[in-house]
Amino acid sequence: MNSEMVWMIIGMGAVTYISRLAPFLLFHGRELPSFIQGVLKNVPYATLGALIFPGVLFISEDIWFGLLGAAFAFVAAYLGANVIIVVLGSILILSGYSFLFS
């Protein structure tokens, strides 16, 4: 490994460490406004949605394949189904779809 690569790894580590340490140092002992807290509580869900949604659209050449699986998963999760039921149900629905339409 050359020295340029080592310095790059050290730099990335420093940037990551500083960006995670800064909020603790800046906001120590202070409470954020309720609006900011609400926004920050929703960041994981927004990130997950941003990561999953393109995969739904591009999982197959047939766009309905991904949309059908996502719709079933959304409805099952909304109705309170267990995660295993949501995943297995989506797999079964998409297996049936691919069997019927391919």
PDB file of N, CA and C in Angstrom:
ATOM      1  N   MET A   1       0.853  -1.169   0.000  1.00  0.00           N
ATOM      2  CA  MET A   1       0.000   0.000   0.000  1.00  0.00           C
ATOM      3  C   MET A   1       0.901   1.236   0.000  1.00  0.00           C
ATOM      4  N   ASN A   2       0.652   2.137  -0.928  1.00  0.00           N
ATOM      5  CA  ASN A   2       1.498   3.325  -1.011  1.00  0.00           C
ATOM      6  C   ASN A   2       1.053   4.394  -0.002  1.00  0.00           C
ATOM      7  N   SER A   3       1.888   5.388   0.187  1.00  0.00           N
ATOM      8  CA  SER A   3       1.628   6.404   1.210  1.00  0.00           C
ATOM      9  C   SER A   3       0.410   7.260   0.868  1.00  0.00           C
ATOM     10  N   GLU A   4       0.125   7.444  -0.410  1.00  0.00           N
ATOM     11  CA  GLU A   4      -1.053   8.227  -0.796  1.00  0.00           C
ATOM     12  C   GLU A   4      -2.329   7.555  -0.303  1.00  0.00           C
ATOM     13  N   MET A   5      -2.379   6.245  -0.409  1.00  0.00           N
ATOM     14  CA  MET A   5      -3.550   5.505   0.048  1.00  0.00           C
ATOM     15  C   MET A   5      -3.682   5.603   1.566  1.00  0.00           C
ATOM     16  N   VAL A   6      -2.579   5.504   2.279  1.00  0.00           N
ATOM     17  CA  VAL A   6      -2.610   5.595   3.742  1.00  0.00           C
ATOM     18  C   VAL A   6      -3.124   6.962   4.172  1.00  0.00           C
ATOM     19  N   TRP A   7      -2.627   8.040   3.531  1.00  0.00           N
ATOM     20  CA  TRP A   7      -3.081   9.387   3.876  1.00  0.00           C
ATOM     21  C   TRP A   7      -4.557   9.583   3.542  1.00  0.00           C
ATOM     22  N   MET A   8      -5.007   8.955   2.479  1.00  0.00           N
ATOM     23  CA  MET A   8      -6.415   9.045   2.124  1.00  0.00           C
ATOM     24  C   MET A   8      -7.283   8.375   3.190  1.00  0.00           C
ATOM     25  N   ILE A   9      -6.875   7.219   3.661  1.00  0.00           N
ATOM     26  CA  ILE A   9      -7.622   6.518   4.706  1.00  0.00           C
ATOM     27  C   ILE A   9      -7.616   7.326   5.997  1.00  0.00           C
ATOM     28  N   ILE A  10      -6.470   7.889   6.356  1.00  0.00           N
ATOM     29  CA  ILE A  10      -6.385   8.720   7.560  1.00  0.00           C
ATOM     30  C   ILE A  10      -7.288   9.945   7.422  1.00  0.00           C
ATOM     31  N   GLY A  11      -7.283  10.582   6.258  1.00  0.00           N
ATOM     32  CA  GLY A  11      -8.133  11.748   6.022  1.00  0.00           C
ATOM     33  C   GLY A  11      -9.608  11.420   6.103  1.00  0.00           C
ATOM     34  N   MET A  12     -10.019  10.301   5.504  1.00  0.00           N
ATOM     35  CA  MET A  12     -11.428   9.902   5.567  1.00  0.00           C
ATOM     36  C   MET A  12     -11.831   9.587   7.002  1.00  0.00           C
ATOM     37  N   GLY A  13     -10.947   8.955   7.744  1.00  0.00           N
ATOM     38  CA  GLY A  13     -11.234   8.670   9.148  1.00  0.00           C
ATOM     39  C   GLY A  13     -11.370   9.940   9.963  1.00  0.00           C
ATOM     40  N   ALA A  14     -10.500  10.925   9.727  1.00  0.00           N
ATOM     41  CA  ALA A  14     -10.564  12.192  10.461  1.00  0.00           C
ATOM     42  C   ALA A  14     -11.850  12.946  10.146  1.00  0.00           C
ATOM     43  N   VAL A  15     -12.228  12.996   8.870  1.00  0.00           N
ATOM     44  CA  VAL A  15     -13.459  13.687   8.486  1.00  0.00           C
ATOM     45  C   VAL A  15     -14.673  13.016   9.116  1.00  0.00           C
ATOM     46  N   THR A  16     -14.701  11.686   9.106  1.00  0.00           N
ATOM     47  CA  THR A  16     -15.810  10.964   9.710  1.00  0.00           C
ATOM     48  C   THR A  16     -15.861  11.204  11.210  1.00  0.00           C
ATOM     49  N   TYR A  17     -14.722  11.150  11.866  1.00  0.00           N
ATOM     50  CA  TYR A  17     -14.677  11.347  13.315  1.00  0.00           C
ATOM     51  C   TYR A  17     -15.110  12.756  13.699  1.00  0.00           C
ATOM     52  N   ILE A  18     -14.618  13.755  12.975  1.00  0.00           N
ATOM     53  CA  ILE A  18     -14.959  15.145  13.291  1.00  0.00           C
ATOM     54  C   ILE A  18     -16.448  15.404  13.066  1.00  0.00           C
ATOM     55  N   SER A  19     -16.996  14.874  11.980  1.00  0.00           N
ATOM     56  CA  SER A  19     -18.420  15.116  11.704  1.00  0.00           C
ATOM     57  C   SER A  19     -19.325  14.429  12.719  1.00  0.00           C
ATOM     58  N   ARG A  20     -18.860  13.379  13.351  1.00  0.00           N
ATOM     59  CA  ARG A  20     -19.665  12.730  14.386  1.00  0.00           C
ATOM     60  C   ARG A  20     -19.430  13.333  15.758  1.00  0.00           C
ATOM     61  N   LEU A  21     -18.268  13.909  15.988  1.00  0.00           N
ATOM     62  CA  LEU A  21     -17.936  14.508  17.276  1.00  0.00           C
ATOM     63  C   LEU A  21     -18.490  15.922  17.407  1.00  0.00           C
ATOM     64  N   ALA A  22     -18.569  16.663  16.303  1.00  0.00           N
ATOM     65  CA  ALA A  22     -18.977  18.065  16.340  1.00  0.00           C
ATOM     66  C   ALA A  22     -20.347  18.286  16.996  1.00  0.00           C
ATOM     67  N   PRO A  23     -21.385  17.508  16.658  1.00  0.00           N
ATOM     68  CA  PRO A  23     -22.675  17.745  17.321  1.00  0.00           C
ATOM     69  C   PRO A  23     -22.615  17.544  18.835  1.00  0.00           C
ATOM     70  N   PHE A  24     -21.832  16.587  19.294  1.00  0.00           N
ATOM     71  CA  PHE A  24     -21.716  16.380  20.738  1.00  0.00           C
ATOM     72  C   PHE A  24     -21.057  17.575  21.412  1.00  0.00           C
ATOM     73  N   LEU A  25     -20.053  18.136  20.776  1.00  0.00           N
ATOM     74  CA  LEU A  25     -19.357  19.276  21.363  1.00  0.00           C
ATOM     75  C   LEU A  25     -20.188  20.559  21.269  1.00  0.00           C
ATOM     76  N   LEU A  26     -20.879  20.758  20.159  1.00  0.00           N
ATOM     77  CA  LEU A  26     -21.639  21.986  19.964  1.00  0.00           C
ATOM     78  C   LEU A  26     -22.935  22.031  20.771  1.00  0.00           C
ATOM     79  N   PHE A  27     -23.585  20.891  20.934  1.00  0.00           N
ATOM     80  CA  PHE A  27     -24.901  20.867  21.566  1.00  0.00           C
ATOM     81  C   PHE A  27     -24.901  20.214  22.935  1.00  0.00           C
ATOM     82  N   HIS A  28     -23.760  20.051  23.551  1.00  0.00           N
ATOM     83  CA  HIS A  28     -23.667  19.428  24.870  1.00  0.00           C
ATOM     84  C   HIS A  28     -24.443  20.262  25.892  1.00  0.00           C
ATOM     85  N   GLY A  29     -25.410  19.653  26.548  1.00  0.00           N
ATOM     86  CA  GLY A  29     -26.192  20.318  27.574  1.00  0.00           C
ATOM     87  C   GLY A  29     -27.311  21.194  27.041  1.00  0.00           C
ATOM     88  N   ARG A  30     -27.503  21.242  25.745  1.00  0.00           N
ATOM     89  CA  ARG A  30     -28.569  22.045  25.147  1.00  0.00           C
ATOM     90  C   ARG A  30     -29.621  21.130  24.550  1.00  0.00           C
ATOM     91  N   GLU A  31     -30.834  21.586  24.551  1.00  0.00           N
ATOM     92  CA  GLU A  31     -31.910  20.826  23.923  1.00  0.00           C
ATOM     93  C   GLU A  31     -32.274  21.484  22.601  1.00  0.00           C
ATOM     94  N   LEU A  32     -32.391  20.680  21.578  1.00  0.00           N
ATOM     95  CA  LEU A  32     -32.764  21.190  20.262  1.00  0.00           C
ATOM     96  C   LEU A  32     -34.246  21.525  20.237  1.00  0.00           C
ATOM     97  N   PRO A  33     -34.647  22.463  19.384  1.00  0.00           N
ATOM     98  CA  PRO A  33     -36.083  22.754  19.243  1.00  0.00           C
ATOM     99  C   PRO A  33     -36.845  21.499  18.807  1.00  0.00           C
ATOM    100  N   SER A  34     -38.120  21.445  19.183  1.00  0.00           N
ATOM    101  CA  SER A  34     -38.913  20.239  18.896  1.00  0.00           C
ATOM    102  C   SER A  34     -39.027  19.982  17.394  1.00  0.00           C
ATOM    103  N   PHE A  35     -39.065  21.026  16.584  1.00  0.00           N
ATOM    104  CA  PHE A  35     -39.135  20.829  15.130  1.00  0.00           C
ATOM    105  C   PHE A  35     -37.892  20.106  14.618  1.00  0.00           C
ATOM    106  N   ILE A  36     -36.721  20.529  15.071  1.00  0.00           N
ATOM    107  CA  ILE A  36     -35.463  19.901  14.646  1.00  0.00           C
ATOM    108  C   ILE A  36     -35.412  18.452  15.135  1.00  0.00           C
ATOM    109  N   GLN A  37     -35.865  18.211  16.353  1.00  0.00           N
ATOM    110  CA  GLN A  37     -35.892  16.837  16.864  1.00  0.00           C
ATOM    111  C   GLN A  37     -36.805  15.963  16.013  1.00  0.00           C
ATOM    112  N   GLY A  38     -37.954  16.502  15.618  1.00  0.00           N
ATOM    113  CA  GLY A  38     -38.869  15.749  14.759  1.00  0.00           C
ATOM    114  C   GLY A  38     -38.255  15.418  13.414  1.00  0.00           C
ATOM    115  N   VAL A  39     -37.548  16.383  12.835  1.00  0.00           N
ATOM    116  CA  VAL A  39     -36.886  16.149  11.548  1.00  0.00           C
ATOM    117  C   VAL A  39     -35.821  15.074  11.697  1.00  0.00           C
ATOM    118  N   LEU A  40     -35.003  15.174  12.742  1.00  0.00           N
ATOM    119  CA  LEU A  40     -33.918  14.211  12.925  1.00  0.00           C
ATOM    120  C   LEU A  40     -34.433  12.809  13.217  1.00  0.00           C
ATOM    121  N   LYS A  41     -35.580  12.701  13.853  1.00  0.00           N
ATOM    122  CA  LYS A  41     -36.152  11.375  14.121  1.00  0.00           C
ATOM    123  C   LYS A  41     -36.619  10.691  12.839  1.00  0.00           C
ATOM    124  N   ASN A  42     -36.934  11.465  11.802  1.00  0.00           N
ATOM    125  CA  ASN A  42     -37.413  10.896  10.544  1.00  0.00           C
ATOM    126  C   ASN A  42     -36.310  10.651   9.528  1.00  0.00           C
ATOM    127  N   VAL A  43     -35.101  11.058   9.806  1.00  0.00           N
ATOM    128  CA  VAL A  43     -33.994  10.873   8.861  1.00  0.00           C
ATOM    129  C   VAL A  43     -33.755   9.390   8.536  1.00  0.00           C
ATOM    130  N   PRO A  44     -33.755   8.472   9.518  1.00  0.00           N
ATOM    131  CA  PRO A  44     -33.528   7.060   9.144  1.00  0.00           C
ATOM    132  C   PRO A  44     -34.583   6.513   8.190  1.00  0.00           C
ATOM    133  N   TYR A  45     -35.835   6.899   8.370  1.00  0.00           N
ATOM    134  CA  TYR A  45     -36.898   6.410   7.483  1.00  0.00           C
ATOM    135  C   TYR A  45     -36.752   6.988   6.080  1.00  0.00           C
ATOM    136  N   ALA A  46     -36.406   8.260   6.001  1.00  0.00           N
ATOM    137  CA  ALA A  46     -36.216   8.887   4.696  1.00  0.00           C
ATOM    138  C   ALA A  46     -35.035   8.263   3.963  1.00  0.00           C
ATOM    139  N   THR A  47     -33.967   7.995   4.696  1.00  0.00           N
ATOM    140  CA  THR A  47     -32.787   7.377   4.091  1.00  0.00           C
ATOM    141  C   THR A  47     -33.113   5.978   3.589  1.00  0.00           C
ATOM    142  N   LEU A  48     -33.829   5.208   4.399  1.00  0.00           N
ATOM    143  CA  LEU A  48     -34.211   3.854   3.998  1.00  0.00           C
ATOM    144  C   LEU A  48     -35.081   3.889   2.747  1.00  0.00           C
ATOM    145  N   GLY A  49     -36.019   4.813   2.716  1.00  0.00           N
ATOM    146  CA  GLY A  49     -36.863   4.944   1.533  1.00  0.00           C
ATOM    147  C   GLY A  49     -36.070   5.320   0.292  1.00  0.00           C
ATOM    148  N   ALA A  50     -35.117   6.222   0.458  1.00  0.00           N
ATOM    149  CA  ALA A  50     -34.288   6.638  -0.677  1.00  0.00           C
ATOM    150  C   ALA A  50     -33.409   5.503  -1.181  1.00  0.00           C
ATOM    151  N   LEU A  51     -33.018   4.601  -0.303  1.00  0.00           N
ATOM    152  CA  LEU A  51     -32.202   3.464  -0.727  1.00  0.00           C
ATOM    153  C   LEU A  51     -33.041   2.369  -1.373  1.00  0.00           C
ATOM    154  N   ILE A  52     -34.256   2.167  -0.895  1.00  0.00           N
ATOM    155  CA  ILE A  52     -35.085   1.059  -1.376  1.00  0.00           C
ATOM    156  C   ILE A  52     -35.837   1.414  -2.655  1.00  0.00           C
ATOM    157  N   PHE A  53     -36.358   2.631  -2.767  1.00  0.00           N
ATOM    158  CA  PHE A  53     -37.242   2.970  -3.880  1.00  0.00           C
ATOM    159  C   PHE A  53     -36.619   2.756  -5.263  1.00  0.00           C
ATOM    160  N   PRO A  54     -35.375   3.162  -5.516  1.00  0.00           N
ATOM    161  CA  PRO A  54     -34.809   2.879  -6.852  1.00  0.00           C
ATOM    162  C   PRO A  54     -34.710   1.378  -7.135  1.00  0.00           C
ATOM    163  N   GLY A  55     -34.441   0.585  -6.124  1.00  0.00           N
ATOM    164  CA  GLY A  55     -34.388  -0.855  -6.312  1.00  0.00           C
ATOM    165  C   GLY A  55     -35.734  -1.431  -6.698  1.00  0.00           C
ATOM    166  N   VAL A  56     -36.791  -0.852  -6.174  1.00  0.00           N
ATOM    167  CA  VAL A  56     -38.141  -1.296  -6.524  1.00  0.00           C
ATOM    168  C   VAL A  56     -38.411  -1.045  -7.998  1.00  0.00           C
ATOM    169  N   LEU A  57     -37.985   0.096  -8.488  1.00  0.00           N
ATOM    170  CA  LEU A  57     -38.263   0.448  -9.879  1.00  0.00           C
ATOM    171  C   LEU A  57     -37.391  -0.292 -10.880  1.00  0.00           C
ATOM    172  N   PHE A  58     -36.176  -0.659 -10.475  1.00  0.00           N
ATOM    173  CA  PHE A  58     -35.233  -1.243 -11.429  1.00  0.00           C
ATOM    174  C   PHE A  58     -34.895  -2.698 -11.138  1.00  0.00           C
ATOM    175  N   ILE A  59     -35.713  -3.397 -10.367  1.00  0.00           N
ATOM    176  CA  ILE A  59     -35.428  -4.789 -10.035  1.00  0.00           C
ATOM    177  C   ILE A  59     -35.607  -5.691 -11.259  1.00  0.00           C
ATOM    178  N   SER A  60     -36.455  -5.289 -12.162  1.00  0.00           N
ATOM    179  CA  SER A  60     -36.745  -6.085 -13.347  1.00  0.00           C
ATOM    180  C   SER A  60     -37.059  -5.131 -14.501  1.00  0.00           C
ATOM    181  N   GLU A  61     -37.041  -5.653 -15.719  1.00  0.00           N
ATOM    182  CA  GLU A  61     -37.428  -4.828 -16.862  1.00  0.00           C
ATOM    183  C   GLU A  61     -38.912  -4.490 -16.804  1.00  0.00           C
ATOM    184  N   ASP A  62     -39.697  -5.371 -16.190  1.00  0.00           N
ATOM    185  CA  ASP A  62     -41.126  -5.138 -16.003  1.00  0.00           C
ATOM    186  C   ASP A  62     -41.304  -4.320 -14.726  1.00  0.00           C
ATOM    187  N   ILE A  63     -41.661  -3.052 -14.870  1.00  0.00           N
ATOM    188  CA  ILE A  63     -41.765  -2.170 -13.705  1.00  0.00           C
ATOM    189  C   ILE A  63     -42.865  -2.618 -12.741  1.00  0.00           C
ATOM    190  N   TRP A  64     -43.895  -3.302 -13.267  1.00  0.00           N
ATOM    191  CA  TRP A  64     -44.988  -3.760 -12.403  1.00  0.00           C
ATOM    192  C   TRP A  64     -44.526  -4.826 -11.429  1.00  0.00           C
ATOM    193  N   PHE A  65     -43.460  -5.537 -11.759  1.00  0.00           N
ATOM    194  CA  PHE A  65     -42.919  -6.561 -10.866  1.00  0.00           C
ATOM    195  C   PHE A  65     -42.514  -5.931  -9.536  1.00  0.00           C
ATOM    196  N   GLY A  66     -41.715  -4.887  -9.602  1.00  0.00           N
ATOM    197  CA  GLY A  66     -41.271  -4.223  -8.380  1.00  0.00           C
ATOM    198  C   GLY A  66     -42.391  -3.497  -7.674  1.00  0.00           C
ATOM    199  N   LEU A  67     -43.247  -2.839  -8.438  1.00  0.00           N
ATOM    200  CA  LEU A  67     -44.346  -2.093  -7.824  1.00  0.00           C
ATOM    201  C   LEU A  67     -45.337  -3.011  -7.123  1.00  0.00           C
ATOM    202  N   LEU A  68     -45.595  -4.179  -7.692  1.00  0.00           N
ATOM    203  CA  LEU A  68     -46.498  -5.139  -7.058  1.00  0.00           C
ATOM    204  C   LEU A  68     -45.920  -5.633  -5.732  1.00  0.00           C
ATOM    205  N   GLY A  69     -44.659  -5.987  -5.733  1.00  0.00           N
ATOM    206  CA  GLY A  69     -44.020  -6.439  -4.495  1.00  0.00           C
ATOM    207  C   GLY A  69     -43.990  -5.356  -3.441  1.00  0.00           C
ATOM    208  N   ALA A  70     -43.686  -4.126  -3.843  1.00  0.00           N
ATOM    209  CA  ALA A  70     -43.650  -3.017  -2.896  1.00  0.00           C
ATOM    210  C   ALA A  70     -45.042  -2.697  -2.366  1.00  0.00           C
ATOM    211  N   ALA A  71     -46.041  -2.744  -3.232  1.00  0.00           N
ATOM    212  CA  ALA A  71     -47.411  -2.470  -2.796  1.00  0.00           C
ATOM    213  C   ALA A  71     -47.875  -3.504  -1.781  1.00  0.00           C
ATOM    214  N   PHE A  72     -47.603  -4.778  -2.058  1.00  0.00           N
ATOM    215  CA  PHE A  72     -47.994  -5.809  -1.092  1.00  0.00           C
ATOM    216  C   PHE A  72     -47.281  -5.608   0.233  1.00  0.00           C
ATOM    217  N   ALA A  73     -45.979  -5.338   0.180  1.00  0.00           N
ATOM    218  CA  ALA A  73     -45.209  -5.141   1.411  1.00  0.00           C
ATOM    219  C   ALA A  73     -45.728  -3.936   2.188  1.00  0.00           C
ATOM    220  N   PHE A  74     -46.046  -2.846   1.480  1.00  0.00           N
ATOM    221  CA  PHE A  74     -46.548  -1.656   2.151  1.00  0.00           C
ATOM    222  C   PHE A  74     -47.882  -1.928   2.832  1.00  0.00           C
ATOM    223  N   VAL A  75     -48.808  -2.566   2.129  1.00  0.00           N
ATOM    224  CA  VAL A  75     -50.135  -2.842   2.696  1.00  0.00           C
ATOM    225  C   VAL A  75     -50.014  -3.800   3.873  1.00  0.00           C
ATOM    226  N   ALA A  76     -49.227  -4.856   3.728  1.00  0.00           N
ATOM    227  CA  ALA A  76     -49.073  -5.820   4.819  1.00  0.00           C
ATOM    228  C   ALA A  76     -48.441  -5.167   6.044  1.00  0.00           C
ATOM    229  N   ALA A  77     -47.429  -4.330   5.840  1.00  0.00           N
ATOM    230  CA  ALA A  77     -46.792  -3.646   6.967  1.00  0.00           C
ATOM    231  C   ALA A  77     -47.744  -2.640   7.598  1.00  0.00           C
ATOM    232  N   TYR A  78     -48.523  -1.943   6.785  1.00  0.00           N
ATOM    233  CA  TYR A  78     -49.487  -0.975   7.300  1.00  0.00           C
ATOM    234  C   TYR A  78     -50.544  -1.654   8.155  1.00  0.00           C
ATOM    235  N   LEU A  79     -50.927  -2.860   7.766  1.00  0.00           N
ATOM    236  CA  LEU A  79     -51.932  -3.604   8.532  1.00  0.00           C
ATOM    237  C   LEU A  79     -51.350  -4.250   9.780  1.00  0.00           C
ATOM    238  N   GLY A  80     -50.045  -4.124   9.969  1.00  0.00           N
ATOM    239  CA  GLY A  80     -49.418  -4.604  11.198  1.00  0.00           C
ATOM    240  C   GLY A  80     -48.858  -6.009  11.125  1.00  0.00           C
ATOM    241  N   ALA A  81     -48.637  -6.519   9.933  1.00  0.00           N
ATOM    242  CA  ALA A  81     -48.092  -7.871   9.791  1.00  0.00           C
ATOM    243  C   ALA A  81     -46.640  -7.909  10.272  1.00  0.00           C
ATOM    244  N   ASN A  82     -46.241  -9.076  10.719  1.00  0.00           N
ATOM    245  CA  ASN A  82     -44.864  -9.312  11.148  1.00  0.00           C
ATOM    246  C   ASN A  82     -43.926  -9.136   9.951  1.00  0.00           C
ATOM    247  N   VAL A  83     -42.691  -8.765  10.208  1.00  0.00           N
ATOM    248  CA  VAL A  83     -41.720  -8.543   9.133  1.00  0.00           C
ATOM    249  C   VAL A  83     -41.549  -9.806   8.289  1.00  0.00           C
ATOM    250  N   ILE A  84     -41.532 -10.956   8.923  1.00  0.00           N
ATOM    251  CA  ILE A  84     -41.366 -12.216   8.182  1.00  0.00           C
ATOM    252  C   ILE A  84     -42.545 -12.436   7.239  1.00  0.00           C
ATOM    253  N   ILE A  85     -43.737 -12.109   7.701  1.00  0.00           N
ATOM    254  CA  ILE A  85     -44.922 -12.245   6.852  1.00  0.00           C
ATOM    255  C   ILE A  85     -44.845 -11.282   5.673  1.00  0.00           C
ATOM    256  N   VAL A  86     -44.382 -10.072   5.914  1.00  0.00           N
ATOM    257  CA  VAL A  86     -44.255  -9.084   4.839  1.00  0.00           C
ATOM    258  C   VAL A  86     -43.279  -9.579   3.776  1.00  0.00           C
ATOM    259  N   VAL A  87     -42.129 -10.053   4.209  1.00  0.00           N
ATOM    260  CA  VAL A  87     -41.104 -10.504   3.256  1.00  0.00           C
ATOM    261  C   VAL A  87     -41.552 -11.763   2.525  1.00  0.00           C
ATOM    262  N   LEU A  88     -42.007 -12.757   3.260  1.00  0.00           N
ATOM    263  CA  LEU A  88     -42.439 -14.010   2.620  1.00  0.00           C
ATOM    264  C   LEU A  88     -43.652 -13.790   1.724  1.00  0.00           C
ATOM    265  N   GLY A  89     -44.568 -12.942   2.146  1.00  0.00           N
ATOM    266  CA  GLY A  89     -45.727 -12.641   1.303  1.00  0.00           C
ATOM    267  C   GLY A  89     -45.317 -11.972   0.008  1.00  0.00           C
ATOM    268  N   SER A  90     -44.391 -11.035   0.081  1.00  0.00           N
ATOM    269  CA  SER A  90     -43.913 -10.379  -1.137  1.00  0.00           C
ATOM    270  C   SER A  90     -43.228 -11.372  -2.064  1.00  0.00           C
ATOM    271  N   ILE A  91     -42.446 -12.269  -1.473  1.00  0.00           N
ATOM    272  CA  ILE A  91     -41.782 -13.295  -2.283  1.00  0.00           C
ATOM    273  C   ILE A  91     -42.803 -14.184  -2.971  1.00  0.00           C
ATOM    274  N   LEU A  92     -43.830 -14.592  -2.239  1.00  0.00           N
ATOM    275  CA  LEU A  92     -44.865 -15.449  -2.831  1.00  0.00           C
ATOM    276  C   LEU A  92     -45.648 -14.725  -3.925  1.00  0.00           C
ATOM    277  N   ILE A  93     -46.002 -13.484  -3.673  1.00  0.00           N
ATOM    278  CA  ILE A  93     -46.735 -12.701  -4.676  1.00  0.00           C
ATOM    279  C   ILE A  93     -45.897 -12.555  -5.946  1.00  0.00           C
ATOM    280  N   LEU A  94     -44.622 -12.222  -5.788  1.00  0.00           N
ATOM    281  CA  LEU A  94     -43.772 -12.037  -6.963  1.00  0.00           C
ATOM    282  C   LEU A  94     -43.438 -13.348  -7.659  1.00  0.00           C
ATOM    283  N   SER A  95     -43.370 -14.432  -6.895  1.00  0.00           N
ATOM    284  CA  SER A  95     -43.164 -15.736  -7.527  1.00  0.00           C
ATOM    285  C   SER A  95     -44.376 -16.100  -8.385  1.00  0.00           C
ATOM    286  N   GLY A  96     -45.551 -15.869  -7.868  1.00  0.00           N
ATOM    287  CA  GLY A  96     -46.760 -16.122  -8.634  1.00  0.00           C
ATOM    288  C   GLY A  96     -46.861 -15.237  -9.864  1.00  0.00           C
ATOM    289  N   TYR A  97     -46.501 -13.969  -9.713  1.00  0.00           N
ATOM    290  CA  TYR A  97     -46.518 -13.031 -10.842  1.00  0.00           C
ATOM    291  C   TYR A  97     -45.553 -13.476 -11.937  1.00  0.00           C
ATOM    292  N   SER A  98     -44.342 -13.854 -11.531  1.00  0.00           N
ATOM    293  CA  SER A  98     -43.365 -14.261 -12.537  1.00  0.00           C
ATOM    294  C   SER A  98     -43.765 -15.591 -13.184  1.00  0.00           C
ATOM    295  N   PHE A  99     -44.424 -16.473 -12.433  1.00  0.00           N
ATOM    296  CA  PHE A  99     -44.890 -17.755 -12.996  1.00  0.00           C
ATOM    297  C   PHE A  99     -45.991 -17.506 -14.031  1.00  0.00           C
ATOM    298  N   LEU A 100     -46.908 -16.586 -13.716  1.00  0.00           N
ATOM    299  CA  LEU A 100     -48.038 -16.326 -14.608  1.00  0.00           C
ATOM    300  C   LEU A 100     -47.654 -15.504 -15.834  1.00  0.00           C
ATOM    301  N   PHE A 101     -46.734 -14.565 -15.679  1.00  0.00           N
ATOM    302  CA  PHE A 101     -46.481 -13.615 -16.754  1.00  0.00           C
ATOM    303  C   PHE A 101     -45.126 -13.754 -17.430  1.00  0.00           C
ATOM    304  N   SER A 102     -44.393 -14.853 -17.199  1.00  0.00           N
ATOM    305  CA  SER A 102     -43.142 -14.999 -17.928  1.00  0.00           C
ATOM    306  C   SER A 102     -43.127 -16.211 -18.808  1.00  0.00           C
TER     307      SER A 102
END
